[in-house]
Each structure stands twice: as C-alpha cells, then as structure tokens.
Amino acid sequence: MTDEQTEIPMTDPLEHGLTITINQPWADQVGPAGVDAYVRALVDLAEGYDGEPAGEVEQRLRDRLDTDGVRLADPSYSRVAEQIAVAGNDLCVVGPDGAVLHGRLPHPRPHHSTADPEHPDRPRFS
C-alpha cells in the first residue's frame, strides 16, 4: 500500500439521468391504478420537459395527479419537479419490487475500493 490518498471519482447523477423508485407502502396505499397514473404523469412530464422552471413542472405534476386522484406528500411534488428540471427527459422509474416500469436502469461506473477483493491494494490476508 502507498501513503498517497487515492481520489475516488464520484458518479455524476446527471450522467445517468433521473431514477425514481416507488416505495412499497405508498404503492399499497394508492393501488396499481395509482402507481400507473403516477408513472404515466412522470413520463409525460419528463418527455415534455422543455427547460421550464421547476415551479411550473411542480404545478403541472400537482394538476395531473389531482385529476388522476393520486396524492403525494407535499414535499414530494417540489422534489420530483426539481429532479425533472435537472435531469430533463432521461427518466427511469423503478417499482417497489425492483422492476423497471419505464426507461432503462442506469449502470453507474464501477466503484473499486480496498474492500473489493480484486483491488490491487487489498491486503492478501485480512
């Protein structure tokens, strides 16, 4: 091992787009139709995103989900809108069971550390 500190590159979230994972308690609360309405709203907003401010995206999300009878926790509206405004059209939605409901699951660059058995600086016997 060397005395030098190795800089580990951080994965840029914009490099991989936006991944939203739906949690099981919320999915149970809104049911399959609510989950489907939520996914369709996210997809439509992301695909239609054209650089408008996050506040406008938030209002469109609220209006769309209100029409579909789906409720989110208040902070979730602004958080999702901000994420769409940052990531734009590159969206992946993952269900509570890990299944990809829309888009493609991003594959971040591999992260290697000395905990990785293949890392060259890992002690032979630990």
Protein backbone atom coordinates (compact mmCIF):
# COMPACT_ATOMS: atom_id res chain seq x y z
CA MET A 1 0.00 0.00 0.00
CA THR A 2 1.13 3.53 -0.62
CA ASP A 3 0.95 6.55 1.67
CA GLU A 4 -0.78 8.55 -1.05
CA GLN A 5 -4.51 9.02 -0.78
CA THR A 6 -6.37 7.73 -3.82
CA GLU A 7 -9.10 10.02 -5.08
CA ILE A 8 -12.27 8.06 -5.80
CA PRO A 9 -14.34 9.61 -8.58
CA MET A 10 -17.95 10.31 -7.63
CA THR A 11 -20.69 9.35 -10.05
CA ASP A 12 -22.37 12.35 -11.62
CA PRO A 13 -26.16 11.96 -11.21
CA LEU A 14 -26.73 13.87 -14.43
CA GLU A 15 -24.63 11.35 -16.31
CA HIS A 16 -27.24 8.71 -15.58
CA GLY A 17 -30.45 10.75 -15.67
CA LEU A 18 -33.18 10.53 -13.07
CA THR A 19 -34.22 7.31 -11.37
CA ILE A 20 -37.35 7.39 -9.22
CA THR A 21 -38.06 4.34 -7.09
CA ILE A 22 -41.60 3.82 -5.85
CA ASN A 23 -41.75 2.58 -2.27
CA GLN A 24 -43.99 -0.30 -1.25
CA PRO A 25 -46.09 1.46 1.44
CA TRP A 26 -47.07 4.22 -0.99
CA ALA A 27 -47.79 1.70 -3.76
CA ASP A 28 -50.02 -0.24 -1.35
CA GLN A 29 -51.81 2.99 -0.41
CA VAL A 30 -52.61 4.12 -3.97
CA GLY A 31 -53.00 0.68 -5.56
CA PRO A 32 -51.94 -0.47 -9.04
CA ALA A 33 -54.08 2.15 -10.81
CA GLY A 34 -52.50 4.94 -8.73
CA VAL A 35 -48.98 3.68 -9.42
CA ASP A 36 -49.78 3.51 -13.13
CA ALA A 37 -51.19 7.05 -13.11
CA TYR A 38 -48.10 8.31 -11.28
CA VAL A 39 -45.72 6.64 -13.72
CA ARG A 40 -47.65 7.99 -16.72
CA ALA A 41 -47.58 11.51 -15.21
CA LEU A 42 -43.82 11.31 -14.61
CA VAL A 43 -43.16 10.02 -18.11
CA ASP A 44 -45.33 12.70 -19.73
CA LEU A 45 -43.70 15.48 -17.69
CA ALA A 46 -40.16 14.26 -18.36
CA GLU A 47 -40.76 13.68 -22.07
CA GLY A 48 -42.45 17.07 -22.41
CA TYR A 49 -39.85 18.94 -20.38
CA ASP A 50 -38.50 21.89 -22.33
CA GLY A 51 -36.48 23.89 -19.83
CA GLU A 52 -39.34 25.46 -17.88
CA PRO A 53 -38.74 26.34 -14.20
CA ALA A 54 -39.24 23.64 -11.57
CA GLY A 55 -42.21 25.59 -10.16
CA GLU A 56 -44.12 25.15 -13.42
CA VAL A 57 -43.26 21.45 -13.53
CA GLU A 58 -44.48 21.11 -9.94
CA GLN A 59 -47.82 22.75 -10.77
CA ARG A 60 -48.29 20.53 -13.81
CA LEU A 61 -47.48 17.46 -11.67
CA ARG A 62 -50.00 18.54 -9.00
CA ASP A 63 -52.70 19.20 -11.59
CA ARG A 64 -52.11 15.91 -13.35
CA LEU A 65 -52.10 13.80 -10.19
CA ASP A 66 -55.14 15.63 -8.77
CA THR A 67 -57.02 14.79 -11.97
CA ASP A 68 -56.00 11.13 -11.57
CA GLY A 69 -56.88 11.12 -7.85
CA VAL A 70 -53.31 10.42 -6.70
CA ARG A 71 -51.80 12.25 -3.73
CA LEU A 72 -48.14 12.66 -2.80
CA ALA A 73 -46.67 14.06 0.38
CA ASP A 74 -46.35 17.83 -0.13
CA PRO A 75 -42.52 17.91 -0.26
CA SER A 76 -42.53 15.19 -2.92
CA TYR A 77 -44.14 17.43 -5.55
CA SER A 78 -41.37 20.02 -5.43
CA ARG A 79 -38.62 17.41 -5.07
CA VAL A 80 -39.77 15.45 -8.13
CA ALA A 81 -40.26 18.66 -10.12
CA GLU A 82 -36.73 19.83 -9.29
CA GLN A 83 -35.31 16.45 -10.27
CA ILE A 84 -37.14 16.53 -13.61
CA ALA A 85 -35.91 20.09 -14.19
CA VAL A 86 -32.32 18.95 -13.60
CA ALA A 87 -32.42 15.62 -15.43
CA GLY A 88 -34.83 16.55 -18.21
CA ASN A 89 -36.00 13.75 -20.45
CA ASP A 90 -33.78 10.92 -19.17
CA LEU A 91 -36.11 9.14 -16.74
CA CYS A 92 -36.18 5.67 -15.22
CA VAL A 93 -39.00 4.60 -12.87
CA VAL A 94 -38.47 1.52 -10.70
CA GLY A 95 -41.30 -0.28 -8.94
CA PRO A 96 -41.22 -1.43 -5.31
CA ASP A 97 -40.16 -4.91 -6.43
CA GLY A 98 -37.17 -3.55 -8.37
CA ALA A 99 -38.81 -3.98 -11.79
CA VAL A 100 -38.17 -1.18 -14.26
CA LEU A 101 -41.56 0.37 -15.07
CA HIS A 102 -40.21 2.93 -17.54
CA GLY A 103 -36.89 3.75 -19.15
CA ARG A 104 -33.66 1.92 -18.60
CA LEU A 105 -31.87 1.33 -15.35
CA PRO A 106 -28.64 3.31 -15.26
CA HIS A 107 -25.42 1.44 -14.75
CA PRO A 108 -23.00 3.63 -12.83
CA ARG A 109 -19.30 3.28 -13.31
CA PRO A 110 -17.82 0.57 -11.11
CA HIS A 111 -16.52 1.77 -7.77
CA HIS A 112 -13.47 -0.03 -6.50
CA SER A 113 -12.04 0.24 -3.02
CA THR A 114 -9.70 -1.80 -0.90
CA ALA A 115 -12.79 -3.71 0.31
CA ASP A 116 -13.08 -5.09 -3.22
CA PRO A 117 -11.29 -8.48 -3.36
CA GLU A 118 -9.87 -7.58 -6.79
CA HIS A 119 -8.38 -4.23 -5.68
CA PRO A 120 -4.57 -4.28 -6.07
CA ASP A 121 -4.02 -2.55 -2.68
CA ARG A 122 -6.16 -5.02 -0.72
CA PRO A 123 -4.08 -6.98 1.80
CA ARG A 124 -3.60 -10.57 0.75
CA PHE A 125 -4.72 -11.85 4.14
CA SER A 126 -7.32 -9.93 6.06
